[in-house]
Amino acid sequence: MGKHSKDNATGPEPGQEPPAPGPTDQGGKGGMATREVAPDIAEPSSDSDTRD
């Protein structure tokens, strides 16, 4: 049960993180730019992720 409990709590959390880091990775190459691009890409990334 302990293992299952973690899966449930980690399911929704990691599920939302992958979409953000994915598109951010491309702009993350700059490092500092990632912070500025993260919010900007956060909106368009949702559309791109849905199409994928």
PDB file of N, CA and C in Angstrom:
ATOM      1  N   MET A   1       0.848  -1.200   0.000  1.00  0.00           N
ATOM      2  CA  MET A   1       0.000   0.000   0.000  1.00  0.00           C
ATOM      3  C   MET A   1       0.891   1.261   0.000  1.00  0.00           C
ATOM      4  N   GLY A   2       1.970   1.206   0.750  1.00  0.00           N
ATOM      5  CA  GLY A   2       2.874   2.364   0.818  1.00  0.00           C
ATOM      6  C   GLY A   2       3.333   2.781  -0.578  1.00  0.00           C
ATOM      7  N   LYS A   3       3.687   1.799  -1.377  1.00  0.00           N
ATOM      8  CA  LYS A   3       4.157   2.134  -2.735  1.00  0.00           C
ATOM      9  C   LYS A   3       3.016   2.742  -3.563  1.00  0.00           C
ATOM     10  N   HIS A   4       1.846   2.189  -3.417  1.00  0.00           N
ATOM     11  CA  HIS A   4       0.696   2.700  -4.187  1.00  0.00           C
ATOM     12  C   HIS A   4       0.383   4.138  -3.774  1.00  0.00           C
ATOM     13  N   SER A   5       0.501   4.396  -2.486  1.00  0.00           N
ATOM     14  CA  SER A   5       0.182   5.737  -1.967  1.00  0.00           C
ATOM     15  C   SER A   5       1.078   6.763  -2.673  1.00  0.00           C
ATOM     16  N   LYS A   6       2.343   6.432  -2.840  1.00  0.00           N
ATOM     17  CA  LYS A   6       3.273   7.385  -3.481  1.00  0.00           C
ATOM     18  C   LYS A   6       2.885   7.567  -4.953  1.00  0.00           C
ATOM     19  N   ASP A   7       2.520   6.506  -5.608  1.00  0.00           N
ATOM     20  CA  ASP A   7       2.138   6.593  -7.031  1.00  0.00           C
ATOM     21  C   ASP A   7       0.973   7.577  -7.207  1.00  0.00           C
ATOM     22  N   ASN A   8      -0.002   7.447  -6.341  1.00  0.00           N
ATOM     23  CA  ASN A   8      -1.185   8.324  -6.440  1.00  0.00           C
ATOM     24  C   ASN A   8      -0.783   9.787  -6.229  1.00  0.00           C
ATOM     25  N   ALA A   9       0.048  10.040  -5.249  1.00  0.00           N
ATOM     26  CA  ALA A   9       0.442  11.427  -4.944  1.00  0.00           C
ATOM     27  C   ALA A   9       1.433  11.922  -6.002  1.00  0.00           C
ATOM     28  N   THR A  10       2.233  11.021  -6.523  1.00  0.00           N
ATOM     29  CA  THR A  10       3.228  11.445  -7.531  1.00  0.00           C
ATOM     30  C   THR A  10       2.623  11.436  -8.930  1.00  0.00           C
ATOM     31  N   GLY A  11       1.489  10.812  -9.093  1.00  0.00           N
ATOM     32  CA  GLY A  11       0.858  10.731 -10.427  1.00  0.00           C
ATOM     33  C   GLY A  11       0.512  12.116 -10.966  1.00  0.00           C
ATOM     34  N   PRO A  12      -0.351  12.849 -10.280  1.00  0.00           N
ATOM     35  CA  PRO A  12      -0.797  14.164 -10.755  1.00  0.00           C
ATOM     36  C   PRO A  12       0.341  15.179 -10.760  1.00  0.00           C
ATOM     37  N   GLU A  13       1.227  15.102  -9.817  1.00  0.00           N
ATOM     38  CA  GLU A  13       2.319  16.109  -9.750  1.00  0.00           C
ATOM     39  C   GLU A  13       3.270  15.989 -10.945  1.00  0.00           C
ATOM     40  N   PRO A  14       3.865  14.832 -11.150  1.00  0.00           N
ATOM     41  CA  PRO A  14       4.816  14.652 -12.258  1.00  0.00           C
ATOM     42  C   PRO A  14       4.113  14.772 -13.608  1.00  0.00           C
ATOM     43  N   GLY A  15       2.870  14.399 -13.665  1.00  0.00           N
ATOM     44  CA  GLY A  15       2.126  14.477 -14.933  1.00  0.00           C
ATOM     45  C   GLY A  15       2.082  15.916 -15.436  1.00  0.00           C
ATOM     46  N   GLN A  16       1.948  16.867 -14.542  1.00  0.00           N
ATOM     47  CA  GLN A  16       1.862  18.278 -14.969  1.00  0.00           C
ATOM     48  C   GLN A  16       3.256  18.846 -15.212  1.00  0.00           C
ATOM     49  N   GLU A  17       4.249  18.261 -14.611  1.00  0.00           N
ATOM     50  CA  GLU A  17       5.614  18.813 -14.776  1.00  0.00           C
ATOM     51  C   GLU A  17       6.198  18.496 -16.159  1.00  0.00           C
ATOM     52  N   PRO A  18       6.063  17.303 -16.649  1.00  0.00           N
ATOM     53  CA  PRO A  18       6.630  16.910 -17.953  1.00  0.00           C
ATOM     54  C   PRO A  18       6.260  17.885 -19.061  1.00  0.00           C
ATOM     55  N   PRO A  19       5.015  18.283 -19.204  1.00  0.00           N
ATOM     56  CA  PRO A  19       4.607  19.208 -20.271  1.00  0.00           C
ATOM     57  C   PRO A  19       5.378  20.523 -20.195  1.00  0.00           C
ATOM     58  N   ALA A  20       5.620  21.024 -18.999  1.00  0.00           N
ATOM     59  CA  ALA A  20       6.331  22.310 -18.863  1.00  0.00           C
ATOM     60  C   ALA A  20       7.810  22.154 -19.228  1.00  0.00           C
ATOM     61  N   PRO A  21       8.518  21.201 -18.625  1.00  0.00           N
ATOM     62  CA  PRO A  21       9.949  21.005 -18.902  1.00  0.00           C
ATOM     63  C   PRO A  21      10.188  20.640 -20.364  1.00  0.00           C
ATOM     64  N   GLY A  22       9.302  19.930 -20.967  1.00  0.00           N
ATOM     65  CA  GLY A  22       9.489  19.523 -22.378  1.00  0.00           C
ATOM     66  C   GLY A  22       9.772  20.734 -23.255  1.00  0.00           C
ATOM     67  N   PRO A  23       8.783  21.611 -23.433  1.00  0.00           N
ATOM     68  CA  PRO A  23       8.945  22.799 -24.287  1.00  0.00           C
ATOM     69  C   PRO A  23       9.969  23.760 -23.707  1.00  0.00           C
ATOM     70  N   THR A  24      10.059  23.813 -22.397  1.00  0.00           N
ATOM     71  CA  THR A  24      11.013  24.734 -21.746  1.00  0.00           C
ATOM     72  C   THR A  24      12.446  24.280 -22.017  1.00  0.00           C
ATOM     73  N   ASP A  25      12.625  22.978 -22.177  1.00  0.00           N
ATOM     74  CA  ASP A  25      13.980  22.450 -22.424  1.00  0.00           C
ATOM     75  C   ASP A  25      14.590  23.139 -23.640  1.00  0.00           C
ATOM     76  N   GLN A  26      13.812  23.321 -24.683  1.00  0.00           N
ATOM     77  CA  GLN A  26      14.329  23.945 -25.916  1.00  0.00           C
ATOM     78  C   GLN A  26      14.873  25.339 -25.586  1.00  0.00           C
ATOM     79  N   GLY A  27      14.099  26.124 -24.854  1.00  0.00           N
ATOM     80  CA  GLY A  27      14.537  27.485 -24.511  1.00  0.00           C
ATOM     81  C   GLY A  27      15.423  27.443 -23.271  1.00  0.00           C
ATOM     82  N   GLY A  28      15.383  26.335 -22.551  1.00  0.00           N
ATOM     83  CA  GLY A  28      16.186  26.195 -21.326  1.00  0.00           C
ATOM     84  C   GLY A  28      17.674  26.195 -21.661  1.00  0.00           C
ATOM     85  N   LYS A  29      18.028  25.972 -22.900  1.00  0.00           N
ATOM     86  CA  LYS A  29      19.462  25.951 -23.282  1.00  0.00           C
ATOM     87  C   LYS A  29      20.139  27.239 -22.795  1.00  0.00           C
ATOM     88  N   GLY A  30      19.387  28.333 -22.785  1.00  0.00           N
ATOM     89  CA  GLY A  30      19.977  29.619 -22.372  1.00  0.00           C
ATOM     90  C   GLY A  30      20.107  29.678 -20.851  1.00  0.00           C
ATOM     91  N   GLY A  31      19.326  28.903 -20.149  1.00  0.00           N
ATOM     92  CA  GLY A  31      19.411  28.925 -18.677  1.00  0.00           C
ATOM     93  C   GLY A  31      18.609  30.093 -18.131  1.00  0.00           C
ATOM     94  N   MET A  32      19.188  31.266 -18.128  1.00  0.00           N
ATOM     95  CA  MET A  32      18.473  32.448 -17.600  1.00  0.00           C
ATOM     96  C   MET A  32      17.232  32.720 -18.464  1.00  0.00           C
ATOM     97  N   ALA A  33      17.370  32.524 -19.742  1.00  0.00           N
ATOM     98  CA  ALA A  33      16.238  32.785 -20.660  1.00  0.00           C
ATOM     99  C   ALA A  33      15.087  31.838 -20.323  1.00  0.00           C
ATOM    100  N   THR A  34      15.425  30.685 -19.782  1.00  0.00           N
ATOM    101  CA  THR A  34      14.365  29.705 -19.451  1.00  0.00           C
ATOM    102  C   THR A  34      13.313  30.372 -18.558  1.00  0.00           C
ATOM    103  N   ARG A  35      13.740  31.177 -17.628  1.00  0.00           N
ATOM    104  CA  ARG A  35      12.771  31.797 -16.691  1.00  0.00           C
ATOM    105  C   ARG A  35      11.870  32.756 -17.481  1.00  0.00           C
ATOM    106  N   GLU A  36      12.425  33.499 -18.386  1.00  0.00           N
ATOM    107  CA  GLU A  36      11.592  34.457 -19.142  1.00  0.00           C
ATOM    108  C   GLU A  36      10.713  33.720 -20.161  1.00  0.00           C
ATOM    109  N   VAL A  37      11.265  32.680 -20.741  1.00  0.00           N
ATOM    110  CA  VAL A  37      10.517  31.918 -21.771  1.00  0.00           C
ATOM    111  C   VAL A  37       9.533  30.955 -21.107  1.00  0.00           C
ATOM    112  N   ALA A  38       9.859  30.506 -19.918  1.00  0.00           N
ATOM    113  CA  ALA A  38       8.987  29.527 -19.229  1.00  0.00           C
ATOM    114  C   ALA A  38       7.540  30.043 -19.181  1.00  0.00           C
ATOM    115  N   PRO A  39       7.303  31.231 -18.672  1.00  0.00           N
ATOM    116  CA  PRO A  39       5.943  31.782 -18.567  1.00  0.00           C
ATOM    117  C   PRO A  39       5.333  32.004 -19.950  1.00  0.00           C
ATOM    118  N   ASP A  40       6.124  32.491 -20.875  1.00  0.00           N
ATOM    119  CA  ASP A  40       5.607  32.758 -22.229  1.00  0.00           C
ATOM    120  C   ASP A  40       5.252  31.447 -22.920  1.00  0.00           C
ATOM    121  N   ILE A  41       6.120  30.468 -22.796  1.00  0.00           N
ATOM    122  CA  ILE A  41       5.894  29.154 -23.453  1.00  0.00           C
ATOM    123  C   ILE A  41       4.825  28.368 -22.683  1.00  0.00           C
ATOM    124  N   ALA A  42       4.690  28.656 -21.419  1.00  0.00           N
ATOM    125  CA  ALA A  42       3.725  27.907 -20.582  1.00  0.00           C
ATOM    126  C   ALA A  42       2.347  27.944 -21.251  1.00  0.00           C
ATOM    127  N   GLU A  43       1.969  29.072 -21.809  1.00  0.00           N
ATOM    128  CA  GLU A  43       0.622  29.160 -22.434  1.00  0.00           C
ATOM    129  C   GLU A  43       0.588  28.411 -23.775  1.00  0.00           C
ATOM    130  N   PRO A  44       1.458  28.729 -24.701  1.00  0.00           N
ATOM    131  CA  PRO A  44       1.477  28.047 -26.016  1.00  0.00           C
ATOM    132  C   PRO A  44       1.814  26.571 -25.858  1.00  0.00           C
ATOM    133  N   SER A  45       2.636  26.243 -24.886  1.00  0.00           N
ATOM    134  CA  SER A  45       3.039  24.826 -24.684  1.00  0.00           C
ATOM    135  C   SER A  45       1.788  23.983 -24.480  1.00  0.00           C
ATOM    136  N   SER A  46       0.783  24.523 -23.825  1.00  0.00           N
ATOM    137  CA  SER A  46      -0.454  23.758 -23.555  1.00  0.00           C
ATOM    138  C   SER A  46      -1.081  23.347 -24.890  1.00  0.00           C
ATOM    139  N   ASP A  47      -1.138  24.265 -25.820  1.00  0.00           N
ATOM    140  CA  ASP A  47      -1.740  23.953 -27.136  1.00  0.00           C
ATOM    141  C   ASP A  47      -0.878  22.925 -27.865  1.00  0.00           C
ATOM    142  N   SER A  48       0.411  23.138 -27.858  1.00  0.00           N
ATOM    143  CA  SER A  48       1.334  22.216 -28.561  1.00  0.00           C
ATOM    144  C   SER A  48       1.237  20.826 -27.925  1.00  0.00           C
ATOM    145  N   ASP A  49       1.222  20.787 -26.607  1.00  0.00           N
ATOM    146  CA  ASP A  49       1.160  19.484 -25.909  1.00  0.00           C
ATOM    147  C   ASP A  49      -0.139  18.753 -26.293  1.00  0.00           C
ATOM    148  N   THR A  50      -1.204  19.479 -26.401  1.00  0.00           N
ATOM    149  CA  THR A  50      -2.501  18.840 -26.726  1.00  0.00           C
ATOM    150  C   THR A  50      -2.457  18.282 -28.152  1.00  0.00           C
ATOM    151  N   ARG A  51      -1.794  18.975 -29.040  1.00  0.00           N
ATOM    152  CA  ARG A  51      -1.723  18.511 -30.451  1.00  0.00           C
ATOM    153  C   ARG A  51      -0.862  17.256 -30.506  1.00  0.00           C
ATOM    154  N   ASP A  52       0.187  17.255 -29.743  1.00  0.00           N
ATOM    155  CA  ASP A  52       1.080  16.070 -29.742  1.00  0.00           C
ATOM    156  C   ASP A  52       0.259  14.867 -29.313  1.00  0.00           C
TER     157      ASP A  52
END
